[in-house]
């Protein structure tokens, strides 16, 4: 659980029951994309906005809990991760106050780590089930963005990181096996999937898809195939 001294309960009306008896087995990380915590809080609690999250973490490390963990917050929207199309029913949503253009302060990151450790232990969430909003909706979302320190979370055992040295396989096939949603038909998904992948795992990279992208995605797909428990892997 989050440090009670730093947690403020601020209920949002924007939630409902988790559908079909679903239990959360994922965490989705977001940035607010707004200039202040107050602005973000106002929107996340506005019934007309119809958006929310379970937790909002301010830049100074203070946490506001907006929705109880057993309820379905409205944070993920349209998107998919592996076989999961109703991500809201299967996830805990955490919003970080950040415009997307500046680093995430140390107090905020420390609080996030503390909060995640409690959630993951309590709900038995594996590190590979911690994803970005941009992972599940690469066509339309970019949060928490290139400034977010995913490697730090991985080093703390709260997320994952690719290992170099894998063969450079088929990028989109590996992306699908890892969890990224690919469009139906002949649509070329490589640009949005590559963008989402690099935001998280190669934030310094630019240019066209290369063999490093292919190798790292192949490694992720091999070690962390999505929905592996359901498929008996």
Foldseek 3Di string as FASTA:
>chain_A
DFDPVQEDEDAAPQWAAQPPPEAAQAEEEFEQLDDAPVVSSCLQRDPVNNAHFQWEAELQQHIYGHDDRRIQGHHLPAFWWQPDGSNSSHYHYYYYHDNQPDARHPSRVVSVLVVLVVVCVVRVHAQLRYYYSCQGVLPPDAPPFLRYPLVVCCVVRNHHAFDPDAWQDDLVVLSNQLTGDDDPDDDDPCVSNVSNCCRRHPSPDDDDDDSRSRRRSNRSSVVHGPPCVVVVD
